[in-house]
Amino acid sequence: MKKLMLNNISFYTRHKEQLKKIYAGKYLIIHHEKVFGVCNSWWEASRKGLELFREDTFLIKYCI
């Protein structure tokens, strides 16, 4: 699980500028180095991530 989270963080870091241009002001759900969802609030992203994956191996990142 630790490696998966590090991979998700690395994915965001590598693609940060591109993601910020596309998803500014949104919360991203990142899982297995892919964007699986885009939400308007952290609460919505948490709920949607848990519904999709049934575990907490996803990353929620706010794009500024």
PDB file of N, CA and C in Angstrom:
ATOM      1  N   MET A   1       0.830  -1.192   0.000  1.00  0.00           N
ATOM      2  CA  MET A   1       0.000   0.000   0.000  1.00  0.00           C
ATOM      3  C   MET A   1       0.875   1.257   0.000  1.00  0.00           C
ATOM      4  N   LYS A   2       1.957   1.234   0.748  1.00  0.00           N
ATOM      5  CA  LYS A   2       2.844   2.390   0.821  1.00  0.00           C
ATOM      6  C   LYS A   2       3.421   2.721  -0.558  1.00  0.00           C
ATOM      7  N   LYS A   3       3.831   1.688  -1.299  1.00  0.00           N
ATOM      8  CA  LYS A   3       4.395   1.903  -2.633  1.00  0.00           C
ATOM      9  C   LYS A   3       3.345   2.483  -3.580  1.00  0.00           C
ATOM     10  N   LEU A   4       2.123   1.994  -3.480  1.00  0.00           N
ATOM     11  CA  LEU A   4       1.043   2.499  -4.321  1.00  0.00           C
ATOM     12  C   LEU A   4       0.813   3.985  -4.076  1.00  0.00           C
ATOM     13  N   MET A   5       0.799   4.392  -2.814  1.00  0.00           N
ATOM     14  CA  MET A   5       0.601   5.812  -2.502  1.00  0.00           C
ATOM     15  C   MET A   5       1.769   6.651  -3.012  1.00  0.00           C
ATOM     16  N   LEU A   6       2.991   6.153  -2.867  1.00  0.00           N
ATOM     17  CA  LEU A   6       4.153   6.879  -3.388  1.00  0.00           C
ATOM     18  C   LEU A   6       4.073   7.015  -4.905  1.00  0.00           C
ATOM     19  N   ASN A   7       3.609   5.975  -5.578  1.00  0.00           N
ATOM     20  CA  ASN A   7       3.434   6.041  -7.035  1.00  0.00           C
ATOM     21  C   ASN A   7       2.382   7.076  -7.410  1.00  0.00           C
ATOM     22  N   ASN A   8       1.292   7.140  -6.650  1.00  0.00           N
ATOM     23  CA  ASN A   8       0.251   8.134  -6.924  1.00  0.00           C
ATOM     24  C   ASN A   8       0.773   9.554  -6.710  1.00  0.00           C
ATOM     25  N   ILE A   9       1.548   9.745  -5.655  1.00  0.00           N
ATOM     26  CA  ILE A   9       2.133  11.064  -5.391  1.00  0.00           C
ATOM     27  C   ILE A   9       3.122  11.428  -6.492  1.00  0.00           C
ATOM     28  N   SER A  10       3.934  10.476  -6.920  1.00  0.00           N
ATOM     29  CA  SER A  10       4.888  10.719  -8.006  1.00  0.00           C
ATOM     30  C   SER A  10       4.165  11.079  -9.301  1.00  0.00           C
ATOM     31  N   PHE A  11       3.064  10.382  -9.575  1.00  0.00           N
ATOM     32  CA  PHE A  11       2.273  10.686 -10.771  1.00  0.00           C
ATOM     33  C   PHE A  11       1.808  12.134 -10.738  1.00  0.00           C
ATOM     34  N   TYR A  12       1.254  12.556  -9.607  1.00  0.00           N
ATOM     35  CA  TYR A  12       0.787  13.939  -9.498  1.00  0.00           C
ATOM     36  C   TYR A  12       1.949  14.918  -9.666  1.00  0.00           C
ATOM     37  N   THR A  13       3.061  14.639  -9.033  1.00  0.00           N
ATOM     38  CA  THR A  13       4.221  15.529  -9.108  1.00  0.00           C
ATOM     39  C   THR A  13       4.725  15.657 -10.545  1.00  0.00           C
ATOM     40  N   ARG A  14       4.800  14.540 -11.258  1.00  0.00           N
ATOM     41  CA  ARG A  14       5.278  14.559 -12.652  1.00  0.00           C
ATOM     42  C   ARG A  14       4.337  15.329 -13.573  1.00  0.00           C
ATOM     43  N   HIS A  15       3.043  15.270 -13.322  1.00  0.00           N
ATOM     44  CA  HIS A  15       2.050  15.869 -14.221  1.00  0.00           C
ATOM     45  C   HIS A  15       1.374  17.106 -13.631  1.00  0.00           C
ATOM     46  N   LYS A  16       1.935  17.647 -12.583  1.00  0.00           N
ATOM     47  CA  LYS A  16       1.318  18.721 -11.806  1.00  0.00           C
ATOM     48  C   LYS A  16       0.873  19.910 -12.658  1.00  0.00           C
ATOM     49  N   GLU A  17       1.742  20.429 -13.479  1.00  0.00           N
ATOM     50  CA  GLU A  17       1.406  21.625 -14.264  1.00  0.00           C
ATOM     51  C   GLU A  17       0.272  21.352 -15.250  1.00  0.00           C
ATOM     52  N   GLN A  18       0.332  20.227 -15.919  1.00  0.00           N
ATOM     53  CA  GLN A  18      -0.723  19.863 -16.870  1.00  0.00           C
ATOM     54  C   GLN A  18      -2.059  19.660 -16.152  1.00  0.00           C
ATOM     55  N   LEU A  19      -2.037  18.968 -15.024  1.00  0.00           N
ATOM     56  CA  LEU A  19      -3.265  18.734 -14.264  1.00  0.00           C
ATOM     57  C   LEU A  19      -3.852  20.042 -13.741  1.00  0.00           C
ATOM     58  N   LYS A  20      -2.995  20.954 -13.293  1.00  0.00           N
ATOM     59  CA  LYS A  20      -3.470  22.244 -12.790  1.00  0.00           C
ATOM     60  C   LYS A  20      -4.167  23.042 -13.886  1.00  0.00           C
ATOM     61  N   LYS A  21      -3.658  22.979 -15.111  1.00  0.00           N
ATOM     62  CA  LYS A  21      -4.280  23.699 -16.229  1.00  0.00           C
ATOM     63  C   LYS A  21      -5.664  23.135 -16.548  1.00  0.00           C
ATOM     64  N   ILE A  22      -5.783  21.829 -16.482  1.00  0.00           N
ATOM     65  CA  ILE A  22      -7.045  21.171 -16.847  1.00  0.00           C
ATOM     66  C   ILE A  22      -8.063  21.200 -15.705  1.00  0.00           C
ATOM     67  N   TYR A  23      -7.605  20.974 -14.469  1.00  0.00           N
ATOM     68  CA  TYR A  23      -8.508  20.763 -13.340  1.00  0.00           C
ATOM     69  C   TYR A  23      -8.396  21.816 -12.242  1.00  0.00           C
ATOM     70  N   ALA A  24      -8.038  23.026 -12.574  1.00  0.00           N
ATOM     71  CA  ALA A  24      -7.871  24.080 -11.559  1.00  0.00           C
ATOM     72  C   ALA A  24      -9.138  24.229 -10.713  1.00  0.00           C
ATOM     73  N   GLY A  25      -8.958  24.273  -9.393  1.00  0.00           N
ATOM     74  CA  GLY A  25     -10.077  24.448  -8.474  1.00  0.00           C
ATOM     75  C   GLY A  25     -10.876  23.192  -8.194  1.00  0.00           C
ATOM     76  N   LYS A  26     -10.377  22.037  -8.616  1.00  0.00           N
ATOM     77  CA  LYS A  26     -11.079  20.762  -8.417  1.00  0.00           C
ATOM     78  C   LYS A  26     -10.233  19.808  -7.583  1.00  0.00           C
ATOM     79  N   TYR A  27     -10.889  18.835  -6.996  1.00  0.00           N
ATOM     80  CA  TYR A  27     -10.224  17.771  -6.252  1.00  0.00           C
ATOM     81  C   TYR A  27     -10.132  16.547  -7.156  1.00  0.00           C
ATOM     82  N   LEU A  28      -8.932  16.018  -7.296  1.00  0.00           N
ATOM     83  CA  LEU A  28      -8.715  14.846  -8.143  1.00  0.00           C
ATOM     84  C   LEU A  28      -8.626  13.589  -7.294  1.00  0.00           C
ATOM     85  N   ILE A  29      -9.193  12.511  -7.793  1.00  0.00           N
ATOM     86  CA  ILE A  29      -9.021  11.194  -7.187  1.00  0.00           C
ATOM     87  C   ILE A  29      -8.011  10.469  -8.068  1.00  0.00           C
ATOM     88  N   ILE A  30      -6.854  10.162  -7.493  1.00  0.00           N
ATOM     89  CA  ILE A  30      -5.785   9.505  -8.237  1.00  0.00           C
ATOM     90  C   ILE A  30      -5.576   8.118  -7.648  1.00  0.00           C
ATOM     91  N   HIS A  31      -5.606   7.111  -8.528  1.00  0.00           N
ATOM     92  CA  HIS A  31      -5.443   5.716  -8.107  1.00  0.00           C
ATOM     93  C   HIS A  31      -4.687   4.979  -9.202  1.00  0.00           C
ATOM     94  N   HIS A  32      -3.687   4.211  -8.832  1.00  0.00           N
ATOM     95  CA  HIS A  32      -2.849   3.484  -9.795  1.00  0.00           C
ATOM     96  C   HIS A  32      -2.326   4.414 -10.888  1.00  0.00           C
ATOM     97  N   GLU A  33      -1.903   5.598 -10.482  1.00  0.00           N
ATOM     98  CA  GLU A  33      -1.281   6.584 -11.364  1.00  0.00           C
ATOM     99  C   GLU A  33      -2.203   7.044 -12.504  1.00  0.00           C
ATOM    100  N   LYS A  34      -3.495   7.131 -12.219  1.00  0.00           N
ATOM    101  CA  LYS A  34      -4.490   7.631 -13.176  1.00  0.00           C
ATOM    102  C   LYS A  34      -5.482   8.512 -12.436  1.00  0.00           C
ATOM    103  N   VAL A  35      -6.037   9.486 -13.147  1.00  0.00           N
ATOM    104  CA  VAL A  35      -7.104  10.310 -12.578  1.00  0.00           C
ATOM    105  C   VAL A  35      -8.413   9.552 -12.776  1.00  0.00           C
ATOM    106  N   PHE A  36      -9.025   9.138 -11.669  1.00  0.00           N
ATOM    107  CA  PHE A  36     -10.266   8.370 -11.728  1.00  0.00           C
ATOM    108  C   PHE A  36     -11.504   9.218 -11.504  1.00  0.00           C
ATOM    109  N   GLY A  37     -11.338  10.398 -10.962  1.00  0.00           N
ATOM    110  CA  GLY A  37     -12.495  11.236 -10.714  1.00  0.00           C
ATOM    111  C   GLY A  37     -12.098  12.668 -10.444  1.00  0.00           C
ATOM    112  N   VAL A  38     -13.038  13.555 -10.695  1.00  0.00           N
ATOM    113  CA  VAL A  38     -12.859  14.988 -10.458  1.00  0.00           C
ATOM    114  C   VAL A  38     -14.075  15.454  -9.665  1.00  0.00           C
ATOM    115  N   CYS A  39     -13.838  16.105  -8.528  1.00  0.00           N
ATOM    116  CA  CYS A  39     -14.924  16.505  -7.638  1.00  0.00           C
ATOM    117  C   CYS A  39     -14.785  17.965  -7.231  1.00  0.00           C
ATOM    118  N   ASN A  40     -15.872  18.520  -6.725  1.00  0.00           N
ATOM    119  CA  ASN A  40     -15.880  19.917  -6.291  1.00  0.00           C
ATOM    120  C   ASN A  40     -15.507  20.108  -4.828  1.00  0.00           C
ATOM    121  N   SER A  41     -15.570  19.042  -4.023  1.00  0.00           N
ATOM    122  CA  SER A  41     -15.241  19.166  -2.602  1.00  0.00           C
ATOM    123  C   SER A  41     -14.435  17.954  -2.149  1.00  0.00           C
ATOM    124  N   TRP A  42     -13.690  18.154  -1.057  1.00  0.00           N
ATOM    125  CA  TRP A  42     -12.907  17.055  -0.501  1.00  0.00           C
ATOM    126  C   TRP A  42     -13.841  15.943  -0.020  1.00  0.00           C
ATOM    127  N   TRP A  43     -14.953  16.319   0.591  1.00  0.00           N
ATOM    128  CA  TRP A  43     -15.919  15.334   1.086  1.00  0.00           C
ATOM    129  C   TRP A  43     -16.438  14.465  -0.059  1.00  0.00           C
ATOM    130  N   GLU A  44     -16.802  15.098  -1.163  1.00  0.00           N
ATOM    131  CA  GLU A  44     -17.310  14.365  -2.325  1.00  0.00           C
ATOM    132  C   GLU A  44     -16.235  13.426  -2.878  1.00  0.00           C
ATOM    133  N   ALA A  45     -14.998  13.904  -2.947  1.00  0.00           N
ATOM    134  CA  ALA A  45     -13.896  13.079  -3.450  1.00  0.00           C
ATOM    135  C   ALA A  45     -13.645  11.879  -2.533  1.00  0.00           C
ATOM    136  N   SER A  46     -13.705  12.086  -1.234  1.00  0.00           N
ATOM    137  CA  SER A  46     -13.513  10.986  -0.277  1.00  0.00           C
ATOM    138  C   SER A  46     -14.592   9.931  -0.436  1.00  0.00           C
ATOM    139  N   ARG A  47     -15.827  10.380  -0.486  1.00  0.00           N
ATOM    140  CA  ARG A  47     -16.959   9.450  -0.628  1.00  0.00           C
ATOM    141  C   ARG A  47     -16.866   8.673  -1.934  1.00  0.00           C
ATOM    142  N   LYS A  48     -16.602   9.384  -3.021  1.00  0.00           N
ATOM    143  CA  LYS A  48     -16.530   8.746  -4.334  1.00  0.00           C
ATOM    144  C   LYS A  48     -15.355   7.768  -4.404  1.00  0.00           C
ATOM    145  N   GLY A  49     -14.207   8.153  -3.845  1.00  0.00           N
ATOM    146  CA  GLY A  49     -13.046   7.266  -3.842  1.00  0.00           C
ATOM    147  C   GLY A  49     -13.307   5.985  -3.078  1.00  0.00           C
ATOM    148  N   LEU A  50     -13.933   6.093  -1.911  1.00  0.00           N
ATOM    149  CA  LEU A  50     -14.238   4.898  -1.125  1.00  0.00           C
ATOM    150  C   LEU A  50     -15.279   4.024  -1.815  1.00  0.00           C
ATOM    151  N   GLU A  51     -16.232   4.636  -2.498  1.00  0.00           N
ATOM    152  CA  GLU A  51     -17.224   3.854  -3.243  1.00  0.00           C
ATOM    153  C   GLU A  51     -16.561   3.103  -4.396  1.00  0.00           C
ATOM    154  N   LEU A  52     -15.636   3.760  -5.090  1.00  0.00           N
ATOM    155  CA  LEU A  52     -14.978   3.139  -6.239  1.00  0.00           C
ATOM    156  C   LEU A  52     -14.034   2.010  -5.845  1.00  0.00           C
ATOM    157  N   PHE A  53     -13.261   2.215  -4.793  1.00  0.00           N
ATOM    158  CA  PHE A  53     -12.165   1.300  -4.505  1.00  0.00           C
ATOM    159  C   PHE A  53     -12.339   0.468  -3.244  1.00  0.00           C
ATOM    160  N   ARG A  54     -13.290   0.803  -2.384  1.00  0.00           N
ATOM    161  CA  ARG A  54     -13.559   0.048  -1.150  1.00  0.00           C
ATOM    162  C   ARG A  54     -12.331  -0.049  -0.239  1.00  0.00           C
ATOM    163  N   GLU A  55     -11.382   0.835  -0.434  1.00  0.00           N
ATOM    164  CA  GLU A  55     -10.183   0.897   0.397  1.00  0.00           C
ATOM    165  C   GLU A  55      -9.603   2.299   0.274  1.00  0.00           C
ATOM    166  N   ASP A  56      -8.623   2.606   1.090  1.00  0.00           N
ATOM    167  CA  ASP A  56      -8.088   3.967   1.080  1.00  0.00           C
ATOM    168  C   ASP A  56      -6.731   4.066   0.381  1.00  0.00           C
ATOM    169  N   THR A  57      -6.587   3.376  -0.731  1.00  0.00           N
ATOM    170  CA  THR A  57      -5.326   3.405  -1.479  1.00  0.00           C
ATOM    171  C   THR A  57      -5.363   4.414  -2.625  1.00  0.00           C
ATOM    172  N   PHE A  58      -6.143   5.451  -2.466  1.00  0.00           N
ATOM    173  CA  PHE A  58      -6.213   6.489  -3.487  1.00  0.00           C
ATOM    174  C   PHE A  58      -5.751   7.811  -2.887  1.00  0.00           C
ATOM    175  N   LEU A  59      -5.372   8.721  -3.748  1.00  0.00           N
ATOM    176  CA  LEU A  59      -4.890  10.032  -3.333  1.00  0.00           C
ATOM    177  C   LEU A  59      -5.901  11.080  -3.768  1.00  0.00           C
ATOM    178  N   ILE A  60      -6.220  12.006  -2.884  1.00  0.00           N
ATOM    179  CA  ILE A  60      -7.049  13.154  -3.240  1.00  0.00           C
ATOM    180  C   ILE A  60      -6.130  14.364  -3.260  1.00  0.00           C
ATOM    181  N   LYS A  61      -6.135  15.061  -4.370  1.00  0.00           N
ATOM    182  CA  LYS A  61      -5.255  16.222  -4.502  1.00  0.00           C
ATOM    183  C   LYS A  61      -6.054  17.390  -5.053  1.00  0.00           C
ATOM    184  N   TYR A  62      -5.933  18.542  -4.400  1.00  0.00           N
ATOM    185  CA  TYR A  62      -6.607  19.761  -4.853  1.00  0.00           C
ATOM    186  C   TYR A  62      -5.699  20.483  -5.835  1.00  0.00           C
ATOM    187  N   CYS A  63      -6.227  20.847  -6.976  1.00  0.00           N
ATOM    188  CA  CYS A  63      -5.453  21.561  -7.991  1.00  0.00           C
ATOM    189  C   CYS A  63      -5.679  23.056  -7.853  1.00  0.00           C
ATOM    190  N   ILE A  64      -4.625  23.771  -7.531  1.00  0.00           N
ATOM    191  CA  ILE A  64      -4.701  25.223  -7.350  1.00  0.00           C
ATOM    192  C   ILE A  64      -4.399  25.900  -8.664  1.00  0.00           C
TER     193      ILE A  64
END
